[in-house]
Amino acid sequence: MKAMQCKTADELIALAKAGGYEITKEEAEAYMAELADYDLDGEKLQAIAGGTGPYDAQRPKRIE
């Protein structure tokens, strides 16, 4: 998701505008603050990126 790659609120505003959306500086800053709180460990990130479900067929342990 391109929005998650934005480093600043201004970048997010520009991305939204390029996509035909208008967001306020406050909305962009709130989104950026939410992203800062969103933390995945490597195993969870790999499960999401790899499209695996709760159980990885390669590794039989449960991903929580």
N, C-alpha and C. Protein backbone atom coordinates (compact mmCIF):
# COMPACT_ATOMS: atom_id res chain seq x y z
N MET A 1 0.85 -1.17 0.00
CA MET A 1 0.00 0.00 0.00
C MET A 1 0.90 1.24 0.00
N LYS A 2 0.70 2.08 -0.97
CA LYS A 2 1.56 3.24 -1.14
C LYS A 2 1.50 4.19 0.05
N ALA A 3 0.34 4.33 0.66
CA ALA A 3 0.20 5.26 1.78
C ALA A 3 1.12 4.88 2.94
N MET A 4 1.34 3.60 3.14
CA MET A 4 2.20 3.15 4.23
C MET A 4 3.67 3.46 3.96
N GLN A 5 4.01 3.77 2.72
CA GLN A 5 5.39 4.09 2.37
C GLN A 5 5.71 5.56 2.56
N CYS A 6 4.70 6.37 2.79
CA CYS A 6 4.92 7.81 2.99
C CYS A 6 5.66 8.05 4.30
N LYS A 7 6.62 8.94 4.25
CA LYS A 7 7.42 9.26 5.45
C LYS A 7 6.88 10.48 6.20
N THR A 8 6.14 11.33 5.51
CA THR A 8 5.62 12.55 6.14
C THR A 8 4.16 12.74 5.77
N ALA A 9 3.50 13.59 6.55
CA ALA A 9 2.10 13.92 6.27
C ALA A 9 1.98 14.61 4.91
N ASP A 10 2.96 15.45 4.57
CA ASP A 10 2.94 16.14 3.28
C ASP A 10 3.02 15.16 2.11
N GLU A 11 3.83 14.11 2.25
CA GLU A 11 3.90 13.08 1.21
C GLU A 11 2.57 12.37 1.06
N LEU A 12 1.92 12.11 2.19
CA LEU A 12 0.62 11.44 2.17
C LEU A 12 -0.43 12.32 1.51
N ILE A 13 -0.41 13.61 1.80
CA ILE A 13 -1.34 14.54 1.18
C ILE A 13 -1.14 14.57 -0.33
N ALA A 14 0.12 14.61 -0.77
CA ALA A 14 0.43 14.62 -2.20
C ALA A 14 -0.04 13.33 -2.87
N LEU A 15 0.17 12.20 -2.21
CA LEU A 15 -0.26 10.92 -2.76
C LEU A 15 -1.78 10.88 -2.89
N ALA A 16 -2.47 11.34 -1.87
CA ALA A 16 -3.94 11.37 -1.91
C ALA A 16 -4.42 12.26 -3.04
N LYS A 17 -3.80 13.42 -3.16
CA LYS A 17 -4.19 14.37 -4.21
C LYS A 17 -3.97 13.76 -5.60
N ALA A 18 -2.86 13.06 -5.78
CA ALA A 18 -2.57 12.42 -7.07
C ALA A 18 -3.62 11.35 -7.40
N GLY A 19 -4.20 10.77 -6.36
CA GLY A 19 -5.24 9.76 -6.56
C GLY A 19 -6.64 10.33 -6.63
N GLY A 20 -6.75 11.66 -6.58
CA GLY A 20 -8.05 12.30 -6.69
C GLY A 20 -8.77 12.50 -5.37
N TYR A 21 -8.05 12.39 -4.26
CA TYR A 21 -8.64 12.56 -2.93
C TYR A 21 -8.08 13.80 -2.27
N GLU A 22 -8.88 14.43 -1.46
CA GLU A 22 -8.43 15.57 -0.67
C GLU A 22 -8.46 15.16 0.79
N ILE A 23 -7.34 15.29 1.49
CA ILE A 23 -7.31 15.06 2.93
C ILE A 23 -6.65 16.27 3.58
N THR A 24 -7.04 16.52 4.81
CA THR A 24 -6.48 17.66 5.53
C THR A 24 -5.14 17.28 6.16
N LYS A 25 -4.40 18.27 6.55
CA LYS A 25 -3.13 18.05 7.23
C LYS A 25 -3.37 17.26 8.52
N GLU A 26 -4.46 17.60 9.23
CA GLU A 26 -4.79 16.90 10.48
C GLU A 26 -5.10 15.42 10.22
N GLU A 27 -5.83 15.14 9.15
CA GLU A 27 -6.13 13.75 8.80
C GLU A 27 -4.85 12.99 8.46
N ALA A 28 -3.98 13.62 7.69
CA ALA A 28 -2.73 12.97 7.30
C ALA A 28 -1.85 12.72 8.53
N GLU A 29 -1.79 13.69 9.43
CA GLU A 29 -0.99 13.52 10.64
C GLU A 29 -1.56 12.42 11.53
N ALA A 30 -2.89 12.33 11.62
CA ALA A 30 -3.52 11.27 12.41
C ALA A 30 -3.20 9.90 11.82
N TYR A 31 -3.23 9.80 10.50
CA TYR A 31 -2.90 8.55 9.83
C TYR A 31 -1.45 8.17 10.09
N MET A 32 -0.56 9.15 9.99
CA MET A 32 0.86 8.89 10.23
C MET A 32 1.09 8.43 11.66
N ALA A 33 0.36 9.01 12.61
CA ALA A 33 0.49 8.60 14.02
C ALA A 33 0.02 7.16 14.20
N GLU A 34 -1.06 6.79 13.50
CA GLU A 34 -1.53 5.40 13.57
C GLU A 34 -0.49 4.45 13.00
N LEU A 35 0.14 4.84 11.90
CA LEU A 35 1.18 3.99 11.31
C LEU A 35 2.36 3.81 12.26
N ALA A 36 2.70 4.85 12.99
CA ALA A 36 3.83 4.77 13.92
C ALA A 36 3.54 3.75 15.03
N ASP A 37 2.26 3.59 15.37
CA ASP A 37 1.87 2.64 16.42
C ASP A 37 1.72 1.22 15.88
N TYR A 38 1.67 1.08 14.57
CA TYR A 38 1.43 -0.21 13.91
C TYR A 38 2.76 -0.92 13.73
N ASP A 39 3.01 -1.92 14.55
CA ASP A 39 4.29 -2.59 14.52
C ASP A 39 4.08 -4.09 14.37
N LEU A 40 4.75 -4.67 13.42
CA LEU A 40 4.69 -6.12 13.20
C LEU A 40 6.08 -6.70 13.38
N ASP A 41 6.13 -7.85 14.04
CA ASP A 41 7.43 -8.51 14.11
C ASP A 41 7.67 -9.21 12.77
N GLY A 42 8.87 -9.67 12.56
CA GLY A 42 9.25 -10.26 11.28
C GLY A 42 8.39 -11.43 10.88
N GLU A 43 8.00 -12.27 11.83
CA GLU A 43 7.21 -13.45 11.51
C GLU A 43 5.80 -13.06 11.05
N LYS A 44 5.19 -12.11 11.73
CA LYS A 44 3.86 -11.66 11.34
C LYS A 44 3.91 -10.95 9.99
N LEU A 45 4.93 -10.17 9.78
CA LEU A 45 5.08 -9.47 8.51
C LEU A 45 5.26 -10.46 7.37
N GLN A 46 6.05 -11.50 7.59
CA GLN A 46 6.26 -12.52 6.57
C GLN A 46 4.96 -13.25 6.26
N ALA A 47 4.16 -13.53 7.28
CA ALA A 47 2.88 -14.22 7.08
C ALA A 47 1.95 -13.37 6.23
N ILE A 48 1.93 -12.06 6.48
CA ILE A 48 1.06 -11.17 5.72
C ILE A 48 1.58 -11.05 4.29
N ALA A 49 2.87 -10.79 4.14
CA ALA A 49 3.45 -10.60 2.82
C ALA A 49 3.38 -11.88 1.99
N GLY A 50 3.52 -13.01 2.66
CA GLY A 50 3.50 -14.29 1.96
C GLY A 50 2.11 -14.83 1.71
N GLY A 51 1.11 -14.19 2.31
CA GLY A 51 -0.26 -14.61 2.10
C GLY A 51 -0.63 -15.88 2.85
N THR A 52 0.11 -16.22 3.89
CA THR A 52 -0.21 -17.42 4.64
C THR A 52 -1.34 -17.14 5.62
N GLY A 53 -1.97 -18.18 6.04
CA GLY A 53 -3.04 -18.07 7.03
C GLY A 53 -2.47 -18.19 8.43
N PRO A 54 -3.32 -18.58 9.39
CA PRO A 54 -2.85 -18.70 10.77
C PRO A 54 -1.74 -19.74 10.95
N TYR A 55 -1.70 -20.70 10.04
CA TYR A 55 -0.65 -21.72 10.11
C TYR A 55 0.17 -21.67 8.83
N ASP A 56 1.44 -21.64 8.99
CA ASP A 56 2.35 -21.63 7.85
C ASP A 56 2.67 -23.08 7.50
N ALA A 57 2.44 -23.47 6.26
CA ALA A 57 2.66 -24.86 5.85
C ALA A 57 4.13 -25.25 5.97
N GLN A 58 5.02 -24.30 5.84
CA GLN A 58 6.45 -24.58 5.93
C GLN A 58 6.88 -24.82 7.38
N ARG A 59 6.27 -24.09 8.27
CA ARG A 59 6.60 -24.20 9.70
C ARG A 59 5.31 -24.51 10.45
N PRO A 60 5.23 -25.61 11.15
CA PRO A 60 3.97 -26.01 11.77
C PRO A 60 3.58 -25.20 13.02
N LYS A 61 4.40 -24.26 13.47
CA LYS A 61 4.01 -23.52 14.66
C LYS A 61 2.97 -22.45 14.33
N ARG A 62 2.14 -22.13 15.28
CA ARG A 62 1.06 -21.15 15.09
C ARG A 62 1.61 -19.74 15.11
N ILE A 63 1.15 -18.91 14.17
CA ILE A 63 1.51 -17.50 14.10
C ILE A 63 0.41 -16.72 14.79
N GLU A 64 0.76 -16.01 15.84
CA GLU A 64 -0.26 -15.26 16.59
C GLU A 64 -0.18 -13.80 16.30
